[in-house]
C-alpha atoms as a PDB file:
ATOM      1  CA  ALA A   1       0.051   0.284  -0.510  1.00  0.00           C
ATOM      2  CA  LYS A   2       2.543   2.530   1.013  1.00  0.00           C
ATOM      3  CA  VAL A   3       4.272   1.976  -2.435  1.00  0.00           C
ATOM      4  CA  ARG A   4       1.023   2.547  -4.644  1.00  0.00           C
ATOM      5  CA  ALA A   5       0.890   5.800  -3.047  1.00  0.00           C
ATOM      6  CA  GLN A   6       4.493   6.902  -3.265  1.00  0.00           C
ATOM      7  CA  THR A   7       3.587   5.252  -6.826  1.00  0.00           C
ATOM      8  CA  GLU A   8       0.182   8.068  -6.733  1.00  0.00           C
ATOM      9  CA  ALA A   9       2.372  10.467  -5.505  1.00  0.00           C
ATOM     10  CA  ARG A  10       4.519  11.129  -7.833  1.00  0.00           C
ATOM     11  CA  GLY A  11       2.394  10.629 -10.942  1.00  0.00           C
ATOM     12  CA  GLU A  12      -0.233  12.676  -9.688  1.00  0.00           C
ATOM     13  CA  VAL A  13       3.120  15.205  -9.147  1.00  0.00           C
ATOM     14  CA  ARG A  14       4.546  14.692 -12.934  1.00  0.00           C
ATOM     15  CA  GLN A  15       0.846  15.211 -14.308  1.00  0.00           C
ATOM     16  CA  ASN A  16       0.171  18.276 -12.587  1.00  0.00           C
ATOM     17  CA  LEU A  17       3.932  19.245 -13.670  1.00  0.00           C
ATOM     18  CA  SER A  18       2.793  19.155 -17.089  1.00  0.00           C
ATOM     19  CA  ARG A  19      -0.423  20.009 -17.132  1.00  0.00           C
ATOM     20  CA  THR A  20       0.901  23.662 -15.976  1.00  0.00           C
ATOM     21  CA  MET A  21       3.889  23.396 -18.250  1.00  0.00           C
ATOM     22  CA  GLU A  22       1.797  23.033 -21.358  1.00  0.00           C
ATOM     23  CA  ARG A  23      -1.287  25.373 -20.563  1.00  0.00           C
ATOM     24  CA  LEU A  24       1.475  28.078 -19.915  1.00  0.00           C
ATOM     25  CA  SER A  25       3.317  27.420 -22.474  1.00  0.00           C
ATOM     26  CA  GLN A  26       0.318  27.772 -24.675  1.00  0.00           C
ATOM     27  CA  VAL A  27      -1.709  31.038 -23.763  1.00  0.00           C
ATOM     28  CA  ILE A  28       2.026  32.647 -23.240  1.00  0.00           C
ATOM     29  CA  HIS A  29       2.178  31.784 -26.689  1.00  0.00           C
ATOM     30  CA  SER A  30      -1.453  33.407 -27.539  1.00  0.00           C
ATOM     31  CA  ALA A  31      -0.780  36.477 -25.777  1.00  0.00           C
ATOM     32  CA  SER A  32      -0.285  39.828 -27.703  1.00  0.00           C
ATOM     33  CA  GLY A  33       1.494  40.892 -25.081  1.00  0.00           C
ATOM     34  CA  VAL A  34       3.643  40.915 -21.257  1.00  0.00           C
ATOM     35  CA  ASN A  35       1.848  43.153 -18.494  1.00  0.00           C
ATOM     36  CA  SER A  36       4.013  42.138 -16.307  1.00  0.00           C
ATOM     37  CA  ALA A  37       6.072  39.508 -15.556  1.00  0.00           C
ATOM     38  CA  SER A  38       7.448  39.207 -12.222  1.00  0.00           C
ATOM     39  CA  GLY A  39       8.159  36.503  -9.040  1.00  0.00           C
ATOM     40  CA  ASN A  40       4.643  34.704  -8.752  1.00  0.00           C
ATOM     41  CA  THR A  41       2.123  36.278 -11.121  1.00  0.00           C
ATOM     42  CA  LEU A  42       1.640  36.424 -14.517  1.00  0.00           C
ATOM     43  CA  SER A  43      -0.231  39.091 -16.529  1.00  0.00           C
ATOM     44  CA  LEU A  44      -0.511  38.855 -20.268  1.00  0.00           C
ATOM     45  CA  ALA A  45      -2.279  40.480 -22.848  1.00  0.00           C
ATOM     46  CA  MET A  46      -5.019  39.295 -24.629  1.00  0.00           C
ATOM     47  CA  THR A  47      -6.437  40.371 -28.153  1.00  0.00           C
ATOM     48  CA  ASP A  48      -9.501  38.317 -27.558  1.00  0.00           C
ATOM     49  CA  SER A  49     -11.660  41.431 -24.812  1.00  0.00           C
ATOM     50  CA  ALA A  50     -13.021  38.886 -22.756  1.00  0.00           C
ATOM     51  CA  LYS A  51      -9.435  37.237 -21.599  1.00  0.00           C
ATOM     52  CA  ASN A  52      -7.449  40.680 -21.143  1.00  0.00           C
ATOM     53  CA  PRO A  53      -6.317  40.952 -19.101  1.00  0.00           C
ATOM     54  CA  THR A  54      -5.081  37.018 -18.520  1.00  0.00           C
ATOM     55  CA  ILE A  55      -3.255  36.247 -14.892  1.00  0.00           C
ATOM     56  CA  PHE A  56      -1.410  33.890 -13.282  1.00  0.00           C
ATOM     57  CA  THR A  57      -0.721  33.842  -9.754  1.00  0.00           C
ATOM     58  CA  VAL A  58      -0.720  31.398  -6.720  1.00  0.00           C
ATOM     59  CA  THR A  59      -3.333  31.321  -5.220  1.00  0.00           C
ATOM     60  CA  GLU A  60      -3.461  28.937  -1.098  1.00  0.00           C
ATOM     61  CA  ASN A  61      -1.647  26.775  -3.132  1.00  0.00           C
ATOM     62  CA  ALA A  62      -3.160  26.172  -6.167  1.00  0.00           C
ATOM     63  CA  LEU A  63      -1.793  27.849  -9.756  1.00  0.00           C
ATOM     64  CA  THR A  64      -4.981  29.055 -11.090  1.00  0.00           C
ATOM     65  CA  ILE A  65      -5.962  31.428 -14.036  1.00  0.00           C
ATOM     66  CA  GLN A  66      -7.852  35.036 -14.661  1.00  0.00           C
ATOM     67  CA  GLU A  67      -9.106  36.107 -17.195  1.00  0.00           C
ATOM     68  CA  GLY A  68     -10.687  39.089 -18.505  1.00  0.00           C
ATOM     69  CA  ALA A  69     -13.676  39.184 -15.679  1.00  0.00           C
ATOM     70  CA  SER A  70     -13.730  35.691 -15.167  1.00  0.00           C
ATOM     71  CA  PRO A  71     -12.986  34.854 -11.430  1.00  0.00           C
ATOM     72  CA  ALA A  72      -9.403  32.857 -11.202  1.00  0.00           C
ATOM     73  CA  THR A  73      -9.918  28.810 -11.917  1.00  0.00           C
ATOM     74  CA  ALA A  74      -7.378  26.444 -10.175  1.00  0.00           C
ATOM     75  CA  LEU A  75      -5.886  24.545 -12.686  1.00  0.00           C
ATOM     76  CA  THR A  76      -3.427  22.081 -10.861  1.00  0.00           C
ATOM     77  CA  SER A  77      -5.245  20.088  -8.259  1.00  0.00           C
ATOM     78  CA  ASP A  78      -5.750  19.786  -4.536  1.00  0.00           C
ATOM     79  CA  LYS A  79      -3.501  17.193  -4.318  1.00  0.00           C
ATOM     80  CA  VAL A  80      -0.414  19.140  -5.062  1.00  0.00           C
ATOM     81  CA  ILE A  81      -0.012  22.848  -3.528  1.00  0.00           C
ATOM     82  CA  ILE A  82       2.830  24.860  -6.384  1.00  0.00           C
ATOM     83  CA  GLY A  83       6.460  25.075  -3.754  1.00  0.00           C
ATOM     84  CA  LYS A  84       7.183  27.557  -6.406  1.00  0.00           C
ATOM     85  CA  LEU A  85       6.620  29.708  -9.283  1.00  0.00           C
ATOM     86  CA  SER A  86       8.405  32.113 -11.073  1.00  0.00           C
ATOM     87  CA  PHE A  87       8.021  34.584 -14.591  1.00  0.00           C
ATOM     88  CA  ALA A  88      10.567  36.751 -15.953  1.00  0.00           C
ATOM     89  CA  SER A  89       9.570  38.727 -19.704  1.00  0.00           C
ATOM     90  CA  ILE A  90      12.764  38.675 -21.698  1.00  0.00           C
ATOM     91  CA  ASN A  91      13.121  41.079 -24.277  1.00  0.00           C
ATOM     92  CA  ASN A  92      14.831  40.132 -27.457  1.00  0.00           C
ATOM     93  CA  PRO A  93      16.360  42.589 -29.574  1.00  0.00           C
ATOM     94  CA  SER A  94      14.448  42.444 -32.875  1.00  0.00           C
ATOM     95  CA  PRO A  95      13.123  40.865 -35.025  1.00  0.00           C
ATOM     96  CA  ALA A  96      12.976  38.075 -31.923  1.00  0.00           C
ATOM     97  CA  LYS A  97      10.351  37.683 -30.944  1.00  0.00           C
ATOM     98  CA  LYS A  98       9.206  38.404 -27.024  1.00  0.00           C
ATOM     99  CA  SER A  99       9.197  35.806 -23.862  1.00  0.00           C
ATOM    100  CA  VAL A 100       8.466  34.644 -21.501  1.00  0.00           C
ATOM    101  CA  GLN A 101      11.269  32.744 -18.994  1.00  0.00           C
ATOM    102  CA  LEU A 102       8.977  29.774 -16.424  1.00  0.00           C
ATOM    103  CA  SER A 103       9.672  28.667 -13.591  1.00  0.00           C
ATOM    104  CA  VAL A 104       7.775  25.580 -11.980  1.00  0.00           C
ATOM    105  CA  THR A 105       8.065  23.023  -8.499  1.00  0.00           C
ATOM    106  CA  VAL A 106       5.637  20.798  -7.595  1.00  0.00           C
ATOM    107  CA  ASP A 107       5.475  19.264  -4.152  1.00  0.00           C
ATOM    108  CA  TYR A 108       2.323  16.033  -3.249  1.00  0.00           C
ATOM    109  CA  ASP A 109       0.513  17.844  -0.648  1.00  0.00           C
ATOM    110  CA  ALA A 110       1.828  15.001   1.366  1.00  0.00           C
ATOM    111  CA  LYS A 111      -0.071  16.363   4.903  1.00  0.00           C
ATOM    112  CA  GLU A 112       2.444  15.274   7.248  1.00  0.00           C
ATOM    113  CA  ARG A 113       2.611  12.141   5.798  1.00  0.00           C
ATOM    114  CA  PRO A 114       7.004  11.276   4.989  1.00  0.00           C
ATOM    115  CA  ASP A 115       6.404   8.390   3.283  1.00  0.00           C
ATOM    116  CA  TYR A 116       4.501  10.410   0.320  1.00  0.00           C
ATOM    117  CA  ILE A 117       7.053  13.847  -0.178  1.00  0.00           C
ATOM    118  CA  TYR A 118       7.846  14.133  -3.856  1.00  0.00           C
ATOM    119  CA  SER A 119       8.613  17.164  -5.755  1.00  0.00           C
ATOM    120  CA  SER A 120       8.607  18.265  -9.209  1.00  0.00           C
ATOM    121  CA  SER A 121       9.709  21.208 -10.749  1.00  0.00           C
ATOM    122  CA  ALA A 122      10.752  22.463 -14.540  1.00  0.00           C
ATOM    123  CA  THR A 123      11.686  25.472 -16.485  1.00  0.00           C
ATOM    124  CA  THR A 124      10.989  26.617 -20.546  1.00  0.00           C
ATOM    125  CA  THR A 125      10.859  29.747 -22.190  1.00  0.00           C
ATOM    126  CA  ALA A 126       7.684  30.189 -24.110  1.00  0.00           C
ATOM    127  CA  VAL A 127       7.871  32.687 -27.086  1.00  0.00           C
ATOM    128  CA  LEU A 128       5.298  34.863 -27.668  1.00  0.00           C
ATOM    129  CA  ARG A 129       4.205  34.706 -31.668  1.00  0.00           C
ATOM    130  CA  ASN A 130       3.344  38.483 -32.394  1.00  0.00           C
END
């Protein structure tokens, strides 16, 4: 049972990290500009007014996305915690496109059960298409 639980913890972390990196990269790629990228908050300008701005941040240990006036929604499950989230805007000299470097660490919410502790991190740079 212990091994199965540890395997589940690893799977949950990997799945959330993979999904998070994919979604962040997709949305950054479709953005028309970067309003701000500092610490654990990223604000993107979007051409679709219903999604402008689109903001990623950490709220109550979850990665959230807020599109325009819509309420923020969690992108990560309640079984994991965002241990680290950082954004940095990269202004490349023209004609290169603007990009955002993002770094995410997802931890399993072990609820004080040390056998279940598991963490995974990823860093990537996503390029705006415009």
